[in-house]
Amino acid sequence: MRFILMAIAINLIIATIHWLIWISLTSASMFGVPILDKMKALLAVALSISLMMIYATLAQLILLLKTPKRSFWVISTIGTAIFLPPIILEFLGVSSWKNPNLWIFSTFP
């Protein structure tokens, strides 16, 4: 199990290294972005990495089960974990502008 998590982490590093380099190399005068917004962008990348790690770990755990049609279970579970929280928050009328703390674990703004 440890090797699977290590492989997932390596793939996440490969996938996000481009974003980190781009964020760190852009100058503040290029887009009119202050340093605080750069820090927010780096924190957003860190949050997305942690969410991807949670989803990938959940998928790997489901794939290790001995049930039939494991890929169906992975697709439905990860799809539910990604899309259900924003749908519930929208039905409850919780706006991302008024209550951003509730939307923090969602992949949608």
Protein backbone atom coordinates (compact mmCIF):
# COMPACT_ATOMS: atom_id res chain seq x y z
CA MET A 1 0.00 0.00 0.00
CA ARG A 2 2.88 2.33 0.78
CA PHE A 3 4.29 1.93 -2.73
CA ILE A 4 0.92 2.77 -4.28
CA LEU A 5 0.71 6.01 -2.31
CA MET A 6 4.28 6.82 -3.26
CA ALA A 7 3.49 6.31 -6.96
CA ILE A 8 0.41 8.52 -6.63
CA ALA A 9 2.46 11.24 -4.94
CA ILE A 10 5.12 11.11 -7.67
CA ASN A 11 2.47 11.44 -10.36
CA LEU A 12 0.91 14.39 -8.53
CA ILE A 13 4.28 16.10 -8.31
CA ILE A 14 4.82 15.60 -12.03
CA ALA A 15 1.35 16.96 -12.78
CA THR A 16 1.65 20.07 -10.60
CA ILE A 17 5.28 21.07 -11.05
CA HIS A 18 4.34 23.09 -14.13
CA TRP A 19 1.80 25.13 -12.18
CA LEU A 20 4.25 25.78 -9.36
CA ILE A 21 6.98 26.93 -11.73
CA TRP A 22 4.56 29.18 -13.60
CA ILE A 23 3.23 30.75 -10.41
CA SER A 24 6.69 31.34 -8.97
CA LEU A 25 8.20 32.77 -12.16
CA THR A 26 5.47 35.25 -13.04
CA SER A 27 6.40 38.71 -11.94
CA ALA A 28 4.02 40.95 -10.04
CA SER A 29 4.12 43.57 -12.78
CA MET A 30 3.29 41.10 -15.56
CA PHE A 31 -0.35 40.65 -14.64
CA GLY A 32 -0.68 43.21 -11.88
CA VAL A 33 -0.76 40.40 -9.33
CA PRO A 34 0.39 41.26 -5.81
CA ILE A 35 2.44 38.84 -3.74
CA LEU A 36 -0.58 37.94 -1.60
CA ASP A 37 -2.43 36.65 -4.65
CA LYS A 38 0.60 34.51 -5.53
CA MET A 39 0.43 33.01 -2.07
CA LYS A 40 -3.27 32.31 -2.51
CA ALA A 41 -2.52 30.61 -5.83
CA LEU A 42 0.15 28.43 -4.20
CA LEU A 43 -2.25 27.50 -1.41
CA ALA A 44 -4.91 26.65 -3.99
CA VAL A 45 -2.44 24.34 -5.74
CA ALA A 46 -1.61 22.71 -2.39
CA LEU A 47 -5.31 22.19 -1.66
CA SER A 48 -5.91 20.70 -5.09
CA ILE A 49 -2.94 18.36 -4.61
CA SER A 50 -4.34 17.16 -1.30
CA LEU A 51 -7.80 16.63 -2.82
CA MET A 52 -6.30 14.69 -5.73
CA MET A 53 -4.34 12.58 -3.27
CA ILE A 54 -7.50 11.79 -1.30
CA TYR A 55 -9.40 10.87 -4.47
CA ALA A 56 -6.53 8.75 -5.80
CA THR A 57 -6.14 6.92 -2.49
CA LEU A 58 -9.86 6.25 -2.35
CA ALA A 59 -9.77 4.92 -5.91
CA GLN A 60 -6.83 2.65 -5.15
CA LEU A 61 -8.52 1.29 -2.03
CA ILE A 62 -11.64 0.46 -4.02
CA LEU A 63 -9.58 -1.15 -6.79
CA LEU A 64 -7.93 -3.42 -4.22
CA LEU A 65 -11.31 -4.89 -3.20
CA LYS A 66 -12.36 -8.31 -4.44
CA THR A 67 -15.73 -7.18 -5.78
CA PRO A 68 -16.83 -7.53 -9.40
CA LYS A 69 -16.85 -4.42 -11.59
CA ARG A 70 -14.36 -2.50 -9.47
CA SER A 71 -13.88 0.15 -12.14
CA PHE A 72 -17.59 0.95 -12.06
CA TRP A 73 -17.41 1.39 -8.29
CA VAL A 74 -14.37 3.65 -8.60
CA ILE A 75 -15.98 5.85 -11.25
CA SER A 76 -19.22 6.18 -9.34
CA THR A 77 -17.55 6.80 -5.96
CA ILE A 78 -15.06 9.39 -7.19
CA GLY A 79 -17.72 11.06 -9.33
CA THR A 80 -20.00 11.27 -6.32
CA ALA A 81 -17.20 12.62 -4.12
CA ILE A 82 -16.41 15.33 -6.68
CA PHE A 83 -19.86 16.38 -7.86
CA LEU A 84 -22.21 15.76 -4.92
CA PRO A 85 -20.93 18.42 -2.44
CA PRO A 86 -21.38 21.34 -4.90
CA ILE A 87 -24.80 20.04 -5.94
CA ILE A 88 -25.93 19.81 -2.32
CA LEU A 89 -24.57 23.27 -1.52
CA GLU A 90 -26.35 24.74 -4.53
CA PHE A 91 -29.66 23.12 -3.61
CA LEU A 92 -29.30 24.48 -0.08
CA GLY A 93 -28.70 27.95 -1.52
CA VAL A 94 -25.23 28.33 -0.05
CA SER A 95 -23.36 30.83 -2.20
CA SER A 96 -19.62 30.57 -2.64
CA TRP A 97 -19.39 34.35 -2.25
CA LYS A 98 -21.23 34.47 1.07
CA ASN A 99 -19.88 31.28 2.71
CA PRO A 100 -16.58 30.34 1.07
CA ASN A 101 -15.53 28.09 3.97
CA LEU A 102 -18.19 25.54 3.08
CA TRP A 103 -16.93 25.39 -0.51
CA ILE A 104 -13.27 24.85 0.41
CA PHE A 105 -13.36 21.09 -0.17
CA SER A 106 -15.05 21.44 -3.51
CA THR A 107 -13.24 21.54 -6.81
CA PHE A 108 -15.59 24.22 -8.12
CA PRO A 109 -15.45 27.94 -7.32
